[in-house]
Every structure is written in structure tokens, then in C-alpha cells.
Amino acid sequence: ASTELIDELNNLTTWENFIEGTNITSRITEIRYNNKGITKIPNSISDLDSLERIEIQDNAIEYIPGYIGSLSRLMYFTIQKNNLTFLPPQIGGLAKLEVLKIYENQLIEVHQNVGQLSNLTILYLSENQLVNLPDSMCNILANPGIDINVDNNQICSDYPECFTELIENSIQDGCP
């Protein structure tokens, strides 16, 4: 990672030491960029291949860059309280992802590749603009201990049958 990036993130990161051969290397494993007024996720984050946790809530981010899918060690991603309207297809490439919190955004759809997140245990989609859910999300219902929240959307009738109980037990805005 560049020196500029390290300086920029210095107080918002967690460093861990890794042994590579005979060398000890420090790498950034966690970034917390909460309530900093940022409007986009810096491209330089794609260079941080050891990231396990990203918290960037309470900002003004409008999109998640596609490179997010290349962060192969990412397990925890919170990006709630931003201005997101969609998720990139690459989100499905986060094979180790366990927690995805994207509530209180402006999401109008959830990409079908979210259904590929077989390690997901928490998915919070509440307080968005969702009117449906993709069929592929039925796959994550089999994840052990899965906790999904879709409250305060507009999911009234166009959702997969597998989500009937979840939707019927949620609070939806503007549904008859």
C-alpha cells in the first residue's frame, strides 16, 4: 500500500503482523471510516488484500466499486447510512463474508449475486427502497444461524416464496 494511503488511514485502521518466509510484515486488516463525510470508497483500498473488516457507515457514499469482490479475506462489511442505490455484481465474490449491513440507504434492488454469499450470517437490508428480492437470495436462507432484516422497505408482493415468512413477519411501508 502507498505511504499516502497509510498516512490517510493511520488512525482508522487495525494492523496485524504476518510472517512471510523470514520476514515479519504488517498489513491493514481493518478500516473504520465512520461519519467522516466521505462520498466514495477510495480505489486504493483495492490494494489492501488483507482486509477482513470495513466499516464505512454514516457517510455520503453513492456506490460500491466493483473491485470490492477482489477483497478475498473480507468477512465484515458495514456500509449502512449512506446513499447507495444498488450493489455491484462483484459483491457475490466475497466468499468469506459473514456480515453485510447495508440498511438505511436508498437501495432499489439487491443484486442476485448476494445469493452466492454462503458464509453470510447477518444481512441487514432494512430502511431502503426495495420492492422485491431476487430468487437467488433463497440460497442464503440455508446458511446456519442466518439473520436477515428487511423491515421498512416496500416489499409487498414481488418476492420469492422462500421469503414468505420473513416478509409476513416484517414491517413494510405502503403495503396494503
N, C-alpha and C. Protein backbone atom coordinates (compact mmCIF):
# COMPACT_ATOMS: atom_id res chain seq x y z
N ALA A 1 0.85 -1.19 0.00
CA ALA A 1 0.00 0.00 0.00
C ALA A 1 0.88 1.24 0.00
N SER A 2 0.39 2.31 -0.58
CA SER A 2 1.18 3.53 -0.69
C SER A 2 1.33 4.22 0.66
N THR A 3 2.39 5.00 0.82
CA THR A 3 2.63 5.75 2.04
C THR A 3 1.51 6.75 2.28
N GLU A 4 1.02 7.39 1.21
CA GLU A 4 -0.08 8.35 1.34
C GLU A 4 -1.32 7.69 1.92
N LEU A 5 -1.65 6.50 1.44
CA LEU A 5 -2.81 5.79 1.94
C LEU A 5 -2.62 5.44 3.41
N ILE A 6 -1.45 4.97 3.76
CA ILE A 6 -1.17 4.61 5.15
C ILE A 6 -1.31 5.82 6.05
N ASP A 7 -0.78 6.97 5.65
CA ASP A 7 -0.92 8.19 6.45
C ASP A 7 -2.39 8.60 6.59
N GLU A 8 -3.13 8.49 5.47
CA GLU A 8 -4.54 8.89 5.46
C GLU A 8 -5.36 8.03 6.42
N LEU A 9 -5.06 6.74 6.47
CA LEU A 9 -5.86 5.82 7.26
C LEU A 9 -5.27 5.50 8.63
N ASN A 10 -4.18 6.12 8.99
CA ASN A 10 -3.41 5.74 10.16
C ASN A 10 -4.24 5.58 11.43
N ASN A 11 -5.12 6.49 11.72
CA ASN A 11 -5.89 6.42 12.95
C ASN A 11 -7.20 5.65 12.79
N LEU A 12 -7.45 5.13 11.62
CA LEU A 12 -8.72 4.46 11.35
C LEU A 12 -8.53 3.01 10.97
N THR A 13 -7.38 2.44 11.32
CA THR A 13 -7.06 1.10 10.87
C THR A 13 -6.58 0.22 12.00
N THR A 14 -6.60 -1.07 11.74
CA THR A 14 -6.00 -2.05 12.62
C THR A 14 -4.93 -2.77 11.82
N TRP A 15 -3.75 -2.86 12.40
CA TRP A 15 -2.61 -3.51 11.74
C TRP A 15 -2.37 -4.85 12.41
N GLU A 16 -1.99 -5.84 11.63
CA GLU A 16 -1.59 -7.13 12.17
C GLU A 16 -0.28 -7.53 11.53
N ASN A 17 0.53 -8.27 12.27
CA ASN A 17 1.80 -8.75 11.75
C ASN A 17 1.63 -10.14 11.14
N PHE A 18 2.22 -10.36 9.97
CA PHE A 18 2.20 -11.63 9.29
C PHE A 18 3.64 -12.06 9.06
N ILE A 19 3.89 -13.35 9.16
CA ILE A 19 5.22 -13.88 8.86
C ILE A 19 5.19 -14.39 7.42
N GLU A 20 6.08 -13.83 6.61
CA GLU A 20 6.21 -14.23 5.21
C GLU A 20 7.66 -14.68 5.02
N GLY A 21 7.83 -15.98 5.00
CA GLY A 21 9.19 -16.50 4.91
C GLY A 21 9.94 -16.18 6.19
N THR A 22 11.02 -15.40 6.07
CA THR A 22 11.78 -15.00 7.25
C THR A 22 11.48 -13.56 7.66
N ASN A 23 10.52 -12.92 6.97
CA ASN A 23 10.19 -11.52 7.26
C ASN A 23 8.87 -11.41 8.03
N ILE A 24 8.79 -10.41 8.88
CA ILE A 24 7.53 -10.06 9.53
C ILE A 24 7.01 -8.82 8.83
N THR A 25 5.78 -8.92 8.35
CA THR A 25 5.18 -7.84 7.59
C THR A 25 3.92 -7.36 8.30
N SER A 26 3.71 -6.06 8.36
CA SER A 26 2.48 -5.51 8.91
C SER A 26 1.52 -5.20 7.78
N ARG A 27 0.25 -5.57 7.98
CA ARG A 27 -0.77 -5.31 6.97
C ARG A 27 -2.02 -4.77 7.63
N ILE A 28 -2.74 -3.98 6.87
CA ILE A 28 -4.00 -3.44 7.37
C ILE A 28 -5.07 -4.52 7.23
N THR A 29 -5.75 -4.82 8.35
CA THR A 29 -6.81 -5.82 8.33
C THR A 29 -8.18 -5.22 8.59
N GLU A 30 -8.21 -3.99 9.06
CA GLU A 30 -9.49 -3.38 9.42
C GLU A 30 -9.47 -1.88 9.15
N ILE A 31 -10.57 -1.38 8.58
CA ILE A 31 -10.73 0.05 8.35
C ILE A 31 -12.07 0.48 8.92
N ARG A 32 -12.05 1.55 9.69
CA ARG A 32 -13.29 2.14 10.23
C ARG A 32 -13.30 3.60 9.81
N TYR A 33 -14.17 3.88 8.87
CA TYR A 33 -14.26 5.22 8.28
C TYR A 33 -15.66 5.77 8.54
N ASN A 34 -16.09 5.73 9.80
CA ASN A 34 -17.45 6.09 10.16
C ASN A 34 -17.62 7.59 10.34
N ASN A 35 -18.71 8.11 9.77
CA ASN A 35 -19.08 9.51 9.97
C ASN A 35 -17.94 10.47 9.64
N LYS A 36 -17.34 10.27 8.48
CA LYS A 36 -16.21 11.12 8.04
C LYS A 36 -16.58 12.00 6.86
N GLY A 37 -17.84 11.93 6.40
CA GLY A 37 -18.26 12.77 5.29
C GLY A 37 -17.72 12.34 3.94
N ILE A 38 -17.22 11.11 3.83
CA ILE A 38 -16.67 10.69 2.55
C ILE A 38 -17.81 10.36 1.57
N THR A 39 -17.54 10.59 0.29
CA THR A 39 -18.55 10.38 -0.74
C THR A 39 -18.25 9.19 -1.64
N LYS A 40 -17.02 8.67 -1.57
CA LYS A 40 -16.69 7.49 -2.35
C LYS A 40 -15.65 6.66 -1.64
N ILE A 41 -15.64 5.38 -1.96
CA ILE A 41 -14.66 4.47 -1.39
C ILE A 41 -13.39 4.61 -2.23
N PRO A 42 -12.27 4.96 -1.61
CA PRO A 42 -11.04 5.18 -2.37
C PRO A 42 -10.60 3.92 -3.13
N ASN A 43 -10.17 4.10 -4.37
CA ASN A 43 -9.69 2.97 -5.17
C ASN A 43 -8.50 2.28 -4.53
N SER A 44 -7.74 3.01 -3.75
CA SER A 44 -6.55 2.44 -3.13
C SER A 44 -6.88 1.32 -2.14
N ILE A 45 -8.11 1.24 -1.70
CA ILE A 45 -8.48 0.14 -0.80
C ILE A 45 -8.35 -1.20 -1.50
N SER A 46 -8.46 -1.21 -2.81
CA SER A 46 -8.32 -2.47 -3.55
C SER A 46 -6.94 -3.08 -3.39
N ASP A 47 -5.95 -2.27 -3.00
CA ASP A 47 -4.58 -2.77 -2.78
C ASP A 47 -4.42 -3.46 -1.43
N LEU A 48 -5.41 -3.33 -0.57
CA LEU A 48 -5.30 -3.86 0.79
C LEU A 48 -5.87 -5.27 0.84
N ASP A 49 -5.10 -6.23 0.34
CA ASP A 49 -5.60 -7.59 0.17
C ASP A 49 -5.76 -8.37 1.46
N SER A 50 -5.39 -7.79 2.59
CA SER A 50 -5.55 -8.47 3.88
C SER A 50 -6.76 -7.96 4.66
N LEU A 51 -7.54 -7.07 4.07
CA LEU A 51 -8.70 -6.53 4.77
C LEU A 51 -9.68 -7.62 5.15
N GLU A 52 -10.06 -7.61 6.42
CA GLU A 52 -11.07 -8.53 6.92
C GLU A 52 -12.34 -7.79 7.34
N ARG A 53 -12.19 -6.50 7.60
CA ARG A 53 -13.32 -5.73 8.13
C ARG A 53 -13.28 -4.32 7.55
N ILE A 54 -14.43 -3.88 7.02
CA ILE A 54 -14.59 -2.50 6.57
C ILE A 54 -15.86 -1.95 7.19
N GLU A 55 -15.72 -0.83 7.87
CA GLU A 55 -16.87 -0.11 8.43
C GLU A 55 -16.83 1.30 7.86
N ILE A 56 -17.80 1.65 7.04
CA ILE A 56 -17.86 2.99 6.46
C ILE A 56 -19.30 3.51 6.50
N GLN A 57 -19.88 3.46 7.69
CA GLN A 57 -21.25 3.92 7.84
C GLN A 57 -21.32 5.41 8.16
N ASP A 58 -22.52 5.96 8.00
CA ASP A 58 -22.77 7.38 8.29
C ASP A 58 -21.91 8.29 7.43
N ASN A 59 -21.92 8.07 6.13
CA ASN A 59 -21.20 8.91 5.19
C ASN A 59 -22.16 9.29 4.06
N ALA A 60 -21.65 9.62 2.90
CA ALA A 60 -22.49 10.00 1.75
C ALA A 60 -22.08 9.20 0.51
N ILE A 61 -21.73 7.94 0.71
CA ILE A 61 -21.27 7.08 -0.38
C ILE A 61 -22.45 6.68 -1.25
N GLU A 62 -22.29 6.82 -2.57
CA GLU A 62 -23.37 6.52 -3.50
C GLU A 62 -23.22 5.18 -4.21
N TYR A 63 -22.03 4.62 -4.24
CA TYR A 63 -21.86 3.32 -4.89
C TYR A 63 -20.67 2.57 -4.29
N ILE A 64 -20.73 1.26 -4.43
CA ILE A 64 -19.64 0.39 -4.02
C ILE A 64 -18.89 0.01 -5.29
N PRO A 65 -17.60 0.30 -5.37
CA PRO A 65 -16.85 -0.04 -6.59
C PRO A 65 -16.77 -1.56 -6.79
N GLY A 66 -16.72 -1.97 -8.04
CA GLY A 66 -16.68 -3.39 -8.37
C GLY A 66 -15.49 -4.13 -7.79
N TYR A 67 -14.38 -3.44 -7.55
CA TYR A 67 -13.21 -4.14 -7.02
C TYR A 67 -13.47 -4.74 -5.64
N ILE A 68 -14.57 -4.38 -5.01
CA ILE A 68 -14.87 -4.92 -3.68
C ILE A 68 -14.84 -6.45 -3.70
N GLY A 69 -15.23 -7.04 -4.82
CA GLY A 69 -15.25 -8.50 -4.93
C GLY A 69 -13.87 -9.14 -4.89
N SER A 70 -12.82 -8.35 -5.06
CA SER A 70 -11.46 -8.90 -5.03
C SER A 70 -10.87 -8.93 -3.62
N LEU A 71 -11.59 -8.42 -2.64
CA LEU A 71 -11.09 -8.43 -1.26
C LEU A 71 -11.42 -9.78 -0.64
N SER A 72 -10.63 -10.77 -0.98
CA SER A 72 -10.95 -12.17 -0.70
C SER A 72 -10.98 -12.54 0.79
N ARG A 73 -10.42 -11.72 1.65
CA ARG A 73 -10.41 -12.02 3.08
C ARG A 73 -11.51 -11.28 3.85
N LEU A 74 -12.27 -10.46 3.14
CA LEU A 74 -13.28 -9.63 3.81
C LEU A 74 -14.37 -10.50 4.44
N MET A 75 -14.59 -10.29 5.75
CA MET A 75 -15.60 -11.05 6.48
C MET A 75 -16.71 -10.15 7.02
N TYR A 76 -16.42 -8.87 7.18
CA TYR A 76 -17.36 -7.96 7.83
C TYR A 76 -17.39 -6.66 7.04
N PHE A 77 -18.57 -6.30 6.54
CA PHE A 77 -18.70 -5.10 5.71
C PHE A 77 -19.96 -4.35 6.14
N THR A 78 -19.77 -3.20 6.75
CA THR A 78 -20.90 -2.37 7.13
C THR A 78 -20.82 -1.06 6.37
N ILE A 79 -21.89 -0.76 5.65
CA ILE A 79 -21.94 0.45 4.85
C ILE A 79 -23.33 1.07 4.97
N GLN A 80 -23.91 0.92 6.17
CA GLN A 80 -25.24 1.48 6.40
C GLN A 80 -25.17 3.00 6.52
N LYS A 81 -26.33 3.61 6.36
CA LYS A 81 -26.49 5.06 6.49
C LYS A 81 -25.63 5.82 5.50
N ASN A 82 -25.77 5.45 4.22
CA ASN A 82 -25.12 6.13 3.12
C ASN A 82 -26.19 6.42 2.06
N ASN A 83 -25.81 6.55 0.81
CA ASN A 83 -26.75 6.86 -0.27
C ASN A 83 -26.70 5.83 -1.39
N LEU A 84 -26.46 4.58 -1.06
CA LEU A 84 -26.36 3.52 -2.07
C LEU A 84 -27.71 3.25 -2.71
N THR A 85 -27.71 3.03 -4.03
CA THR A 85 -28.94 2.64 -4.72
C THR A 85 -28.86 1.21 -5.27
N PHE A 86 -27.67 0.65 -5.36
CA PHE A 86 -27.52 -0.72 -5.86
C PHE A 86 -26.23 -1.32 -5.32
N LEU A 87 -26.13 -2.63 -5.45
CA LEU A 87 -24.92 -3.36 -5.09
C LEU A 87 -24.28 -3.87 -6.38
N PRO A 88 -22.97 -3.84 -6.48
CA PRO A 88 -22.33 -4.33 -7.71
C PRO A 88 -22.40 -5.86 -7.76
N PRO A 89 -22.40 -6.44 -8.96
CA PRO A 89 -22.44 -7.90 -9.08
C PRO A 89 -21.26 -8.58 -8.38
N GLN A 90 -20.15 -7.88 -8.28
CA GLN A 90 -18.94 -8.45 -7.68
C GLN A 90 -19.12 -8.74 -6.19
N ILE A 91 -20.19 -8.24 -5.59
CA ILE A 91 -20.44 -8.50 -4.16
C ILE A 91 -20.50 -10.01 -3.92
N GLY A 92 -20.95 -10.76 -4.91
CA GLY A 92 -21.04 -12.21 -4.77
C GLY A 92 -19.69 -12.91 -4.70
N GLY A 93 -18.61 -12.20 -5.01
CA GLY A 93 -17.27 -12.76 -4.94
C GLY A 93 -16.67 -12.77 -3.55
N LEU A 94 -17.37 -12.23 -2.58
CA LEU A 94 -16.85 -12.15 -1.21
C LEU A 94 -17.15 -13.46 -0.47
N ALA A 95 -16.43 -14.49 -0.82
CA ALA A 95 -16.71 -15.85 -0.33
C ALA A 95 -16.64 -15.99 1.19
N LYS A 96 -15.84 -15.17 1.86
CA LYS A 96 -15.69 -15.29 3.31
C LYS A 96 -16.62 -14.34 4.09
N LEU A 97 -17.39 -13.53 3.37
CA LEU A 97 -18.22 -12.52 4.03
C LEU A 97 -19.25 -13.17 4.96
N GLU A 98 -19.26 -12.71 6.22
CA GLU A 98 -20.20 -13.20 7.21
C GLU A 98 -21.24 -12.15 7.59
N VAL A 99 -20.84 -10.88 7.55
CA VAL A 99 -21.74 -9.79 7.97
C VAL A 99 -21.80 -8.74 6.87
N LEU A 100 -23.02 -8.42 6.43
CA LEU A 100 -23.25 -7.37 5.44
C LEU A 100 -24.40 -6.51 5.96
N LYS A 101 -24.06 -5.30 6.38
CA LYS A 101 -25.07 -4.38 6.90
C LYS A 101 -25.16 -3.19 5.95
N ILE A 102 -26.28 -3.12 5.23
CA ILE A 102 -26.48 -2.03 4.26
C ILE A 102 -27.84 -1.37 4.46
N TYR A 103 -28.26 -1.31 5.70
CA TYR A 103 -29.54 -0.68 5.99
C TYR A 103 -29.42 0.84 5.95
N GLU A 104 -30.57 1.50 5.89
CA GLU A 104 -30.65 2.97 5.82
C GLU A 104 -29.84 3.54 4.66
N ASN A 105 -30.10 3.02 3.48
CA ASN A 105 -29.55 3.54 2.24
C ASN A 105 -30.73 3.83 1.32
N GLN A 106 -30.48 3.86 0.04
CA GLN A 106 -31.55 4.10 -0.95
C GLN A 106 -31.63 2.93 -1.94
N LEU A 107 -31.27 1.73 -1.49
CA LEU A 107 -31.24 0.57 -2.37
C LEU A 107 -32.60 0.34 -3.02
N ILE A 108 -32.59 0.21 -4.34
CA ILE A 108 -33.82 -0.10 -5.06
C ILE A 108 -33.83 -1.57 -5.49
N GLU A 109 -32.66 -2.22 -5.44
CA GLU A 109 -32.59 -3.64 -5.74
C GLU A 109 -31.38 -4.26 -5.06
N VAL A 110 -31.46 -5.56 -4.88
CA VAL A 110 -30.34 -6.34 -4.36
C VAL A 110 -29.87 -7.23 -5.50
N HIS A 111 -28.60 -7.17 -5.80
CA HIS A 111 -28.08 -7.96 -6.92
C HIS A 111 -28.22 -9.45 -6.60
N GLN A 112 -28.56 -10.22 -7.62
CA GLN A 112 -28.76 -11.66 -7.44
C GLN A 112 -27.54 -12.37 -6.90
N ASN A 113 -26.34 -11.82 -7.11
CA ASN A 113 -25.12 -12.48 -6.63
C ASN A 113 -24.99 -12.50 -5.12
N VAL A 114 -25.82 -11.75 -4.41
CA VAL A 114 -25.84 -11.84 -2.96
C VAL A 114 -26.16 -13.27 -2.54
N GLY A 115 -26.90 -13.98 -3.37
CA GLY A 115 -27.24 -15.37 -3.10
C GLY A 115 -26.04 -16.31 -3.08
N GLN A 116 -24.88 -15.85 -3.53
CA GLN A 116 -23.66 -16.66 -3.54
C GLN A 116 -22.90 -16.57 -2.22
N LEU A 117 -23.35 -15.74 -1.31
CA LEU A 117 -22.62 -15.50 -0.06
C LEU A 117 -22.95 -16.60 0.95
N SER A 118 -22.32 -17.74 0.78
CA SER A 118 -22.66 -18.93 1.56
C SER A 118 -22.19 -18.89 3.02
N ASN A 119 -21.34 -17.94 3.39
CA ASN A 119 -20.92 -17.81 4.79
C ASN A 119 -21.65 -16.70 5.53
N LEU A 120 -22.55 -16.02 4.85
CA LEU A 120 -23.26 -14.89 5.45
C LEU A 120 -24.11 -15.36 6.63
N THR A 121 -23.98 -14.65 7.77
CA THR A 121 -24.82 -14.93 8.93
C THR A 121 -25.69 -13.73 9.29
N ILE A 122 -25.31 -12.54 8.83
CA ILE A 122 -26.10 -11.33 9.09
C ILE A 122 -26.23 -10.55 7.79
N LEU A 123 -27.47 -10.25 7.40
CA LEU A 123 -27.77 -9.43 6.24
C LEU A 123 -28.87 -8.45 6.64
N TYR A 124 -28.50 -7.19 6.80
CA TYR A 124 -29.47 -6.17 7.19
C TYR A 124 -29.73 -5.25 6.01
N LEU A 125 -30.95 -5.33 5.49
CA LEU A 125 -31.37 -4.54 4.33
C LEU A 125 -32.51 -3.58 4.69
N SER A 126 -32.78 -3.38 5.95
CA SER A 126 -33.92 -2.56 6.36
C SER A 126 -33.74 -1.09 5.96
N GLU A 127 -34.86 -0.42 5.88
CA GLU A 127 -34.92 1.03 5.61
C GLU A 127 -34.21 1.43 4.32
N ASN A 128 -34.60 0.74 3.24
CA ASN A 128 -34.15 1.07 1.89
C ASN A 128 -35.39 1.32 1.05
N GLN A 129 -35.27 1.20 -0.26
CA GLN A 129 -36.38 1.40 -1.18
C GLN A 129 -36.71 0.13 -1.94
N LEU A 130 -36.45 -1.02 -1.34
CA LEU A 130 -36.62 -2.30 -2.01
C LEU A 130 -38.10 -2.62 -2.23
N VAL A 131 -38.40 -3.11 -3.42
CA VAL A 131 -39.76 -3.57 -3.72
C VAL A 131 -39.78 -5.08 -3.99
N ASN A 132 -38.62 -5.68 -4.16
CA ASN A 132 -38.54 -7.13 -4.36
C ASN A 132 -37.19 -7.65 -3.90
N LEU A 133 -37.07 -8.96 -3.92
CA LEU A 133 -35.81 -9.63 -3.59
C LEU A 133 -35.54 -10.65 -4.69
N PRO A 134 -34.29 -10.87 -5.05
CA PRO A 134 -34.00 -11.84 -6.11
C PRO A 134 -34.19 -13.29 -5.62
N ASP A 135 -34.61 -14.16 -6.51
CA ASP A 135 -34.79 -15.58 -6.18
C ASP A 135 -33.52 -16.19 -5.61
N SER A 136 -32.39 -15.75 -6.10
CA SER A 136 -31.11 -16.33 -5.66
C SER A 136 -30.86 -16.16 -4.17
N MET A 137 -31.53 -15.18 -3.56
CA MET A 137 -31.34 -14.99 -2.11
C MET A 137 -31.89 -16.14 -1.29
N CYS A 138 -32.72 -16.98 -1.89
CA CYS A 138 -33.22 -18.17 -1.19
C CYS A 138 -32.05 -19.04 -0.74
N ASN A 139 -30.95 -19.02 -1.50
CA ASN A 139 -29.77 -19.83 -1.17
C ASN A 139 -29.23 -19.50 0.22
N ILE A 140 -29.23 -18.24 0.60
CA ILE A 140 -28.63 -17.87 1.88
C ILE A 140 -29.52 -18.22 3.07
N LEU A 141 -30.77 -18.55 2.83
CA LEU A 141 -31.65 -18.97 3.93
C LEU A 141 -31.15 -20.26 4.58
N ALA A 142 -30.36 -21.04 3.84
CA ALA A 142 -29.80 -22.28 4.37
C ALA A 142 -28.54 -22.04 5.21
N ASN A 143 -28.01 -20.82 5.19
CA ASN A 143 -26.81 -20.54 5.98
C ASN A 143 -27.11 -20.70 7.46
N PRO A 144 -26.26 -21.42 8.20
CA PRO A 144 -26.51 -21.64 9.63
C PRO A 144 -26.62 -20.32 10.40
N GLY A 145 -27.69 -20.18 11.16
CA GLY A 145 -27.88 -19.02 12.02
C GLY A 145 -28.12 -17.71 11.29
N ILE A 146 -28.57 -17.75 10.04
CA ILE A 146 -28.74 -16.53 9.25
C ILE A 146 -29.74 -15.58 9.91
N ASP A 147 -29.39 -14.31 9.94
CA ASP A 147 -30.26 -13.26 10.47
C ASP A 147 -30.43 -12.23 9.36
N ILE A 148 -31.64 -12.14 8.82
CA ILE A 148 -31.94 -11.21 7.73
C ILE A 148 -33.00 -10.24 8.21
N ASN A 149 -32.77 -8.96 7.97
CA ASN A 149 -33.77 -7.94 8.32
C ASN A 149 -34.08 -7.12 7.08
N VAL A 150 -35.36 -7.10 6.71
CA VAL A 150 -35.81 -6.34 5.54
C VAL A 150 -36.91 -5.34 5.91
N ASP A 151 -37.04 -5.00 7.19
CA ASP A 151 -38.07 -4.06 7.64
C ASP A 151 -37.98 -2.72 6.93
N ASN A 152 -39.12 -2.06 6.85
CA ASN A 152 -39.23 -0.69 6.34
C ASN A 152 -38.71 -0.52 4.91
N ASN A 153 -39.14 -1.43 4.06
CA ASN A 153 -38.96 -1.33 2.62
C ASN A 153 -40.35 -1.28 2.02
N GLN A 154 -40.47 -1.65 0.78
CA GLN A 154 -41.78 -1.69 0.12
C GLN A 154 -41.98 -3.03 -0.59
N ILE A 155 -41.58 -4.09 0.10
CA ILE A 155 -41.67 -5.44 -0.45
C ILE A 155 -43.06 -5.97 -0.12
N CYS A 156 -43.98 -5.76 -1.03
CA CYS A 156 -45.38 -6.10 -0.77
C CYS A 156 -45.82 -7.41 -1.42
N SER A 157 -45.40 -7.66 -2.64
CA SER A 157 -45.91 -8.85 -3.31
C SER A 157 -44.90 -9.55 -4.21
N ASP A 158 -43.88 -8.87 -4.67
CA ASP A 158 -42.96 -9.45 -5.65
C ASP A 158 -41.70 -9.96 -4.96
N TYR A 159 -41.83 -11.12 -4.30
CA TYR A 159 -40.68 -11.71 -3.64
C TYR A 159 -40.76 -13.23 -3.76
N PRO A 160 -39.63 -13.90 -3.68
CA PRO A 160 -39.62 -15.36 -3.80
C PRO A 160 -40.42 -16.01 -2.66
N GLU A 161 -41.03 -17.13 -2.97
CA GLU A 161 -41.85 -17.84 -1.99
C GLU A 161 -41.06 -18.18 -0.73
N CYS A 162 -39.77 -18.45 -0.88
CA CYS A 162 -38.95 -18.82 0.28
C CYS A 162 -38.90 -17.71 1.33
N PHE A 163 -39.22 -16.47 0.94
CA PHE A 163 -39.19 -15.35 1.88
C PHE A 163 -40.55 -14.99 2.45
N THR A 164 -41.56 -15.81 2.21
CA THR A 164 -42.91 -15.51 2.66
C THR A 164 -42.95 -15.22 4.16
N GLU A 165 -42.39 -16.11 4.97
CA GLU A 165 -42.43 -15.94 6.41
C GLU A 165 -41.66 -14.68 6.84
N LEU A 166 -40.50 -14.46 6.26
CA LEU A 166 -39.70 -13.28 6.60
C LEU A 166 -40.47 -12.00 6.29
N ILE A 167 -41.07 -11.92 5.11
CA ILE A 167 -41.80 -10.71 4.71
C ILE A 167 -43.06 -10.53 5.55
N GLU A 168 -43.78 -11.61 5.79
CA GLU A 168 -45.00 -11.52 6.58
C GLU A 168 -44.73 -11.11 8.02
N ASN A 169 -43.54 -11.39 8.52
CA ASN A 169 -43.18 -11.01 9.89
C ASN A 169 -42.37 -9.72 9.96
N SER A 170 -42.30 -9.00 8.84
CA SER A 170 -41.56 -7.73 8.82
C SER A 170 -42.55 -6.59 8.67
N ILE A 171 -42.04 -5.41 8.87
CA ILE A 171 -42.84 -4.19 8.69
C ILE A 171 -42.47 -3.61 7.34
N GLN A 172 -43.44 -3.48 6.44
CA GLN A 172 -43.21 -2.93 5.12
C GLN A 172 -44.00 -1.64 4.95
N ASP A 173 -43.39 -0.64 4.37
CA ASP A 173 -44.04 0.66 4.15
C ASP A 173 -44.95 0.62 2.94
N GLY A 174 -46.13 1.16 3.09
CA GLY A 174 -47.02 1.35 1.95
C GLY A 174 -47.63 0.10 1.37
N CYS A 175 -47.63 -1.00 2.10
CA CYS A 175 -48.25 -2.23 1.61
C CYS A 175 -49.68 -2.29 2.12
N PRO A 176 -50.58 -2.79 1.27
CA PRO A 176 -51.99 -2.90 1.72
C PRO A 176 -52.17 -3.91 2.82
